[in-house]
Amino acid sequence: MTSLHNPLDPRSGLVISTHDLGRQQGRMLEVRRTVDAPDDLGSGVIGVPPGSPVSLDLRLESAGDGVLVTGTVEVTVAGECARCLTAISERSELELMELFLYPEREPDDEEASRLEGDLLDLEPLLRDTVVLDLPFTPLCREDCAGLCPLCGQDLNADPEHDHGEQTDSRWGALAGWQDTTGTNSSTTENRE
């Protein structure tokens, strides 16, 4: 039976060799590098632009069952405000922590991260960390007023924006309608 899994590319910026770390428990290796962001790191509304810089500041420690990776990752998150459609771009620093099990180690969890030989792949960990941190509804600011539902004007730029007595064009056919029964709508509500 052949495996569909591709071997890790040691030239990838998100693949780290642990060869120099060895397996002596307690040994540590620090990794600081900037790599290009992979594709599809986010949602359709907000995410990390492909090829943008991803700064890694990591500590790899040899543990009994594998290699513990801790540290931070700094990425640029870009997208659109869900209310006013203004472009959003900001740097975000996130904490990383994951135990990568040695290849021969039997995991309690089939989804556990694993080393492949002396190599570990940070892309799945980076993807999970970044995507879980992204806002479900991105906003340019917490109190964003959004767009005018009638004309589309940005209400943040003109908070006093007013259409006066204008009504939604979908109700236009009812604009000239009058109650011909002679009853007041407030009094008919009280009748049983």
C-alpha atoms as a PDB file:
ATOM      1  CA  MET A   1       0.000   0.000   0.000  1.00  0.00           C
ATOM      2  CA  THR A   2       1.451   3.384  -1.004  1.00  0.00           C
ATOM      3  CA  SER A   3       1.183   6.496   1.131  1.00  0.00           C
ATOM      4  CA  LEU A   4      -0.269   9.675  -0.303  1.00  0.00           C
ATOM      5  CA  HIS A   5       1.780  11.701   2.197  1.00  0.00           C
ATOM      6  CA  ASN A   6       4.545  13.805   0.663  1.00  0.00           C
ATOM      7  CA  PRO A   7       7.843  13.895   2.552  1.00  0.00           C
ATOM      8  CA  LEU A   8       8.711  17.183   4.217  1.00  0.00           C
ATOM      9  CA  ASP A   9      10.904  19.620   2.300  1.00  0.00           C
ATOM     10  CA  PRO A  10      13.788  20.660   4.585  1.00  0.00           C
ATOM     11  CA  ARG A  11      14.195  23.827   2.481  1.00  0.00           C
ATOM     12  CA  SER A  12      10.745  25.088   3.531  1.00  0.00           C
ATOM     13  CA  GLY A  13      10.900  27.890   6.092  1.00  0.00           C
ATOM     14  CA  LEU A  14       8.225  26.188   8.207  1.00  0.00           C
ATOM     15  CA  VAL A  15      10.071  22.856   8.339  1.00  0.00           C
ATOM     16  CA  ILE A  16      12.668  22.754  11.129  1.00  0.00           C
ATOM     17  CA  SER A  17      15.420  20.215  11.606  1.00  0.00           C
ATOM     18  CA  THR A  18      15.863  18.921  15.159  1.00  0.00           C
ATOM     19  CA  HIS A  19      19.069  17.039  14.304  1.00  0.00           C
ATOM     20  CA  ASP A  20      21.264  19.416  16.365  1.00  0.00           C
ATOM     21  CA  LEU A  21      18.891  19.106  19.320  1.00  0.00           C
ATOM     22  CA  GLY A  22      19.365  15.373  19.700  1.00  0.00           C
ATOM     23  CA  ARG A  23      17.214  13.359  22.060  1.00  0.00           C
ATOM     24  CA  GLN A  24      18.889  14.148  25.347  1.00  0.00           C
ATOM     25  CA  GLN A  25      16.058  15.321  27.578  1.00  0.00           C
ATOM     26  CA  GLY A  26      16.294  18.989  28.538  1.00  0.00           C
ATOM     27  CA  ARG A  27      18.417  20.127  25.567  1.00  0.00           C
ATOM     28  CA  MET A  28      17.196  23.318  23.960  1.00  0.00           C
ATOM     29  CA  LEU A  29      17.479  24.972  20.560  1.00  0.00           C
ATOM     30  CA  GLU A  30      16.307  28.500  19.728  1.00  0.00           C
ATOM     31  CA  VAL A  31      14.951  29.287  16.274  1.00  0.00           C
ATOM     32  CA  ARG A  32      14.418  32.836  15.040  1.00  0.00           C
ATOM     33  CA  ARG A  33      13.528  33.336  11.410  1.00  0.00           C
ATOM     34  CA  THR A  34      11.208  35.137   9.062  1.00  0.00           C
ATOM     35  CA  VAL A  35       9.469  33.106   6.372  1.00  0.00           C
ATOM     36  CA  ASP A  36       6.814  33.711   3.724  1.00  0.00           C
ATOM     37  CA  ALA A  37       3.222  33.019   4.730  1.00  0.00           C
ATOM     38  CA  PRO A  38       1.675  29.978   3.045  1.00  0.00           C
ATOM     39  CA  ASP A  39      -1.476  30.231   0.912  1.00  0.00           C
ATOM     40  CA  ASP A  40      -4.980  30.056   2.408  1.00  0.00           C
ATOM     41  CA  LEU A  41      -4.029  31.126   5.929  1.00  0.00           C
ATOM     42  CA  GLY A  42      -7.392  32.538   6.974  1.00  0.00           C
ATOM     43  CA  SER A  43     -10.984  32.846   5.813  1.00  0.00           C
ATOM     44  CA  GLY A  44     -12.507  34.578   2.802  1.00  0.00           C
ATOM     45  CA  VAL A  45     -13.070  37.737   4.867  1.00  0.00           C
ATOM     46  CA  ILE A  46      -9.782  38.078   6.767  1.00  0.00           C
ATOM     47  CA  GLY A  47      -6.455  36.291   6.896  1.00  0.00           C
ATOM     48  CA  VAL A  48      -2.706  36.421   6.417  1.00  0.00           C
ATOM     49  CA  PRO A  49      -1.801  37.547   2.875  1.00  0.00           C
ATOM     50  CA  PRO A  50       0.147  34.818   1.026  1.00  0.00           C
ATOM     51  CA  GLY A  51       3.859  35.597   0.888  1.00  0.00           C
ATOM     52  CA  SER A  52       3.715  38.193   3.680  1.00  0.00           C
ATOM     53  CA  PRO A  53       6.394  37.933   6.404  1.00  0.00           C
ATOM     54  CA  VAL A  54       5.836  35.490   9.261  1.00  0.00           C
ATOM     55  CA  SER A  55       8.292  36.077  12.119  1.00  0.00           C
ATOM     56  CA  LEU A  56       9.042  33.033  14.273  1.00  0.00           C
ATOM     57  CA  ASP A  57      10.686  33.239  17.707  1.00  0.00           C
ATOM     58  CA  LEU A  58      10.716  29.664  19.002  1.00  0.00           C
ATOM     59  CA  ARG A  59      12.281  27.424  21.591  1.00  0.00           C
ATOM     60  CA  LEU A  60      12.587  23.704  20.845  1.00  0.00           C
ATOM     61  CA  GLU A  61      13.150  21.476  23.866  1.00  0.00           C
ATOM     62  CA  SER A  62      13.902  17.782  23.858  1.00  0.00           C
ATOM     63  CA  ALA A  63      11.299  16.031  26.007  1.00  0.00           C
ATOM     64  CA  GLY A  64      10.797  12.376  26.841  1.00  0.00           C
ATOM     65  CA  ASP A  65       8.242  11.705  24.105  1.00  0.00           C
ATOM     66  CA  GLY A  66       9.320  14.235  21.509  1.00  0.00           C
ATOM     67  CA  VAL A  67      10.165  17.878  20.948  1.00  0.00           C
ATOM     68  CA  LEU A  68       8.224  20.634  22.709  1.00  0.00           C
ATOM     69  CA  VAL A  69       7.890  23.785  20.589  1.00  0.00           C
ATOM     70  CA  THR A  70       7.006  27.030  22.404  1.00  0.00           C
ATOM     71  CA  GLY A  71       7.263  30.654  21.404  1.00  0.00           C
ATOM     72  CA  THR A  72       5.589  33.343  19.358  1.00  0.00           C
ATOM     73  CA  VAL A  73       4.684  33.993  15.762  1.00  0.00           C
ATOM     74  CA  GLU A  74       4.029  37.464  14.378  1.00  0.00           C
ATOM     75  CA  VAL A  75       1.890  37.845  11.251  1.00  0.00           C
ATOM     76  CA  THR A  76       0.093  40.565   9.320  1.00  0.00           C
ATOM     77  CA  VAL A  77      -3.669  40.061   9.253  1.00  0.00           C
ATOM     78  CA  ALA A  78      -5.573  41.790   6.439  1.00  0.00           C
ATOM     79  CA  GLY A  79      -9.189  41.898   5.302  1.00  0.00           C
ATOM     80  CA  GLU A  80     -12.316  44.064   5.239  1.00  0.00           C
ATOM     81  CA  CYS A  81     -14.487  45.482   7.987  1.00  0.00           C
ATOM     82  CA  ALA A  82     -17.781  43.587   7.983  1.00  0.00           C
ATOM     83  CA  ARG A  83     -19.775  46.800   8.606  1.00  0.00           C
ATOM     84  CA  CYS A  84     -18.167  49.531   6.473  1.00  0.00           C
ATOM     85  CA  LEU A  85     -15.966  47.496   4.083  1.00  0.00           C
ATOM     86  CA  THR A  86     -12.853  49.520   4.998  1.00  0.00           C
ATOM     87  CA  ALA A  87      -9.561  47.681   4.517  1.00  0.00           C
ATOM     88  CA  ILE A  88      -8.082  46.299   7.747  1.00  0.00           C
ATOM     89  CA  SER A  89      -4.400  45.497   8.222  1.00  0.00           C
ATOM     90  CA  GLU A  90      -2.629  44.927  11.531  1.00  0.00           C
ATOM     91  CA  ARG A  91       0.244  42.959  13.012  1.00  0.00           C
ATOM     92  CA  SER A  92      -0.717  40.167  15.381  1.00  0.00           C
ATOM     93  CA  GLU A  93       1.530  38.240  17.773  1.00  0.00           C
ATOM     94  CA  LEU A  94       0.345  34.783  18.778  1.00  0.00           C
ATOM     95  CA  GLU A  95       1.625  32.184  21.223  1.00  0.00           C
ATOM     96  CA  LEU A  96       2.581  28.734  19.930  1.00  0.00           C
ATOM     97  CA  MET A  97       2.921  25.555  21.972  1.00  0.00           C
ATOM     98  CA  GLU A  98       2.921  22.008  20.639  1.00  0.00           C
ATOM     99  CA  LEU A  99       4.557  18.674  21.440  1.00  0.00           C
ATOM    100  CA  PHE A 100       5.821  16.905  18.314  1.00  0.00           C
ATOM    101  CA  LEU A 101       6.098  13.197  19.098  1.00  0.00           C
ATOM    102  CA  TYR A 102       9.059  11.117  17.946  1.00  0.00           C
ATOM    103  CA  PRO A 103       8.161   8.913  14.943  1.00  0.00           C
ATOM    104  CA  GLU A 104       8.312   5.620  16.875  1.00  0.00           C
ATOM    105  CA  ARG A 105       6.254   6.935  19.797  1.00  0.00           C
ATOM    106  CA  GLU A 106       2.680   5.601  19.983  1.00  0.00           C
ATOM    107  CA  PRO A 107       0.311   8.564  20.357  1.00  0.00           C
ATOM    108  CA  ASP A 108      -2.706   8.569  22.677  1.00  0.00           C
ATOM    109  CA  ASP A 109      -4.318  10.817  20.086  1.00  0.00           C
ATOM    110  CA  GLU A 110      -4.175   9.971  16.375  1.00  0.00           C
ATOM    111  CA  GLU A 111      -4.262  13.712  15.578  1.00  0.00           C
ATOM    112  CA  ALA A 112      -1.075  14.379  17.580  1.00  0.00           C
ATOM    113  CA  SER A 113       1.735  16.240  15.809  1.00  0.00           C
ATOM    114  CA  ARG A 114       4.671  14.051  14.862  1.00  0.00           C
ATOM    115  CA  LEU A 115       8.249  14.456  13.776  1.00  0.00           C
ATOM    116  CA  GLU A 116       9.199  12.949  10.434  1.00  0.00           C
ATOM    117  CA  GLY A 117      12.694  11.697  11.089  1.00  0.00           C
ATOM    118  CA  ASP A 118      14.449  14.764  12.498  1.00  0.00           C
ATOM    119  CA  LEU A 119      12.061  17.212  10.826  1.00  0.00           C
ATOM    120  CA  LEU A 120       8.995  18.946  12.190  1.00  0.00           C
ATOM    121  CA  ASP A 121       6.446  20.872  10.135  1.00  0.00           C
ATOM    122  CA  LEU A 122       5.108  24.075  11.728  1.00  0.00           C
ATOM    123  CA  GLU A 123       2.549  24.837   8.993  1.00  0.00           C
ATOM    124  CA  PRO A 124      -0.396  22.884  10.533  1.00  0.00           C
ATOM    125  CA  LEU A 125       0.305  24.420  13.959  1.00  0.00           C
ATOM    126  CA  LEU A 126       0.626  27.905  12.443  1.00  0.00           C
ATOM    127  CA  ARG A 127      -2.582  27.425  10.443  1.00  0.00           C
ATOM    128  CA  ASP A 128      -4.580  26.243  13.491  1.00  0.00           C
ATOM    129  CA  THR A 129      -3.250  29.027  15.719  1.00  0.00           C
ATOM    130  CA  VAL A 130      -3.849  31.851  13.238  1.00  0.00           C
ATOM    131  CA  VAL A 131      -7.277  30.715  12.015  1.00  0.00           C
ATOM    132  CA  LEU A 132      -8.604  30.177  15.552  1.00  0.00           C
ATOM    133  CA  ASP A 133      -7.465  33.690  16.499  1.00  0.00           C
ATOM    134  CA  LEU A 134      -9.149  35.449  13.567  1.00  0.00           C
ATOM    135  CA  PRO A 135     -12.337  37.380  14.362  1.00  0.00           C
ATOM    136  CA  PHE A 136     -15.556  35.831  13.073  1.00  0.00           C
ATOM    137  CA  THR A 137     -16.800  39.327  12.176  1.00  0.00           C
ATOM    138  CA  PRO A 138     -13.800  41.610  11.562  1.00  0.00           C
ATOM    139  CA  LEU A 139     -14.327  45.276  12.416  1.00  0.00           C
ATOM    140  CA  CYS A 140     -12.157  48.315  11.695  1.00  0.00           C
ATOM    141  CA  ARG A 141     -13.044  49.481  15.208  1.00  0.00           C
ATOM    142  CA  GLU A 142     -15.422  48.248  17.891  1.00  0.00           C
ATOM    143  CA  ASP A 143     -17.916  51.105  17.446  1.00  0.00           C
ATOM    144  CA  CYS A 144     -17.950  51.060  13.621  1.00  0.00           C
ATOM    145  CA  ALA A 145     -21.225  52.656  12.453  1.00  0.00           C
ATOM    146  CA  GLY A 146     -21.200  50.860   9.099  1.00  0.00           C
ATOM    147  CA  LEU A 147     -22.799  52.060   5.870  1.00  0.00           C
ATOM    148  CA  CYS A 148     -26.055  53.943   5.306  1.00  0.00           C
ATOM    149  CA  PRO A 149     -28.630  51.324   4.247  1.00  0.00           C
ATOM    150  CA  LEU A 150     -30.191  53.773   1.747  1.00  0.00           C
ATOM    151  CA  CYS A 151     -27.221  55.319  -0.053  1.00  0.00           C
ATOM    152  CA  GLY A 152     -24.179  53.332   1.099  1.00  0.00           C
ATOM    153  CA  GLN A 153     -22.316  56.313   2.581  1.00  0.00           C
ATOM    154  CA  ASP A 154     -19.753  55.507   5.286  1.00  0.00           C
ATOM    155  CA  LEU A 155     -21.408  56.605   8.547  1.00  0.00           C
ATOM    156  CA  ASN A 156     -18.011  56.727  10.293  1.00  0.00           C
ATOM    157  CA  ALA A 157     -16.915  59.557   7.976  1.00  0.00           C
ATOM    158  CA  ASP A 158     -20.220  61.443   8.369  1.00  0.00           C
ATOM    159  CA  PRO A 159     -21.925  60.565  11.670  1.00  0.00           C
ATOM    160  CA  GLU A 160     -24.523  63.341  11.111  1.00  0.00           C
ATOM    161  CA  HIS A 161     -25.573  61.815   7.772  1.00  0.00           C
ATOM    162  CA  ASP A 162     -29.377  62.012   7.461  1.00  0.00           C
ATOM    163  CA  HIS A 163     -31.865  61.266   4.702  1.00  0.00           C
ATOM    164  CA  GLY A 164     -34.704  63.015   6.533  1.00  0.00           C
ATOM    165  CA  GLU A 165     -38.104  61.551   5.716  1.00  0.00           C
ATOM    166  CA  GLN A 166     -36.851  59.335   2.876  1.00  0.00           C
ATOM    167  CA  THR A 167     -38.189  55.830   2.972  1.00  0.00           C
ATOM    168  CA  ASP A 168     -36.793  52.631   1.634  1.00  0.00           C
ATOM    169  CA  SER A 169     -37.635  52.422  -2.110  1.00  0.00           C
ATOM    170  CA  ARG A 170     -39.184  48.985  -1.563  1.00  0.00           C
ATOM    171  CA  TRP A 171     -41.990  50.703   0.415  1.00  0.00           C
ATOM    172  CA  GLY A 172     -42.515  53.373  -2.282  1.00  0.00           C
ATOM    173  CA  ALA A 173     -45.787  51.844  -3.544  1.00  0.00           C
ATOM    174  CA  LEU A 174     -47.326  52.385  -0.098  1.00  0.00           C
ATOM    175  CA  ALA A 175     -46.165  56.008   0.223  1.00  0.00           C
ATOM    176  CA  GLY A 176     -49.466  57.500  -1.026  1.00  0.00           C
ATOM    177  CA  TRP A 177     -51.743  54.995   0.670  1.00  0.00           C
ATOM    178  CA  GLN A 178     -54.322  56.400   3.103  1.00  0.00           C
ATOM    179  CA  ASP A 179     -56.662  54.659   5.471  1.00  0.00           C
ATOM    180  CA  THR A 180     -60.110  55.072   3.815  1.00  0.00           C
ATOM    181  CA  THR A 181     -62.097  53.346   6.568  1.00  0.00           C
ATOM    182  CA  GLY A 182     -61.896  56.406   8.799  1.00  0.00           C
ATOM    183  CA  THR A 183     -60.497  54.437  11.732  1.00  0.00           C
ATOM    184  CA  ASN A 184     -57.388  55.289  13.601  1.00  0.00           C
ATOM    185  CA  SER A 185     -54.868  52.469  13.557  1.00  0.00           C
ATOM    186  CA  SER A 186     -54.141  52.976  17.279  1.00  0.00           C
ATOM    187  CA  THR A 187     -57.794  52.454  18.223  1.00  0.00           C
ATOM    188  CA  THR A 188     -58.201  49.330  16.083  1.00  0.00           C
ATOM    189  CA  GLU A 189     -55.389  47.634  17.977  1.00  0.00           C
ATOM    190  CA  ASN A 190     -57.420  47.861  21.204  1.00  0.00           C
ATOM    191  CA  ARG A 191     -60.525  46.209  19.749  1.00  0.00           C
ATOM    192  CA  GLU A 192     -61.101  42.520  20.329  1.00  0.00           C
END
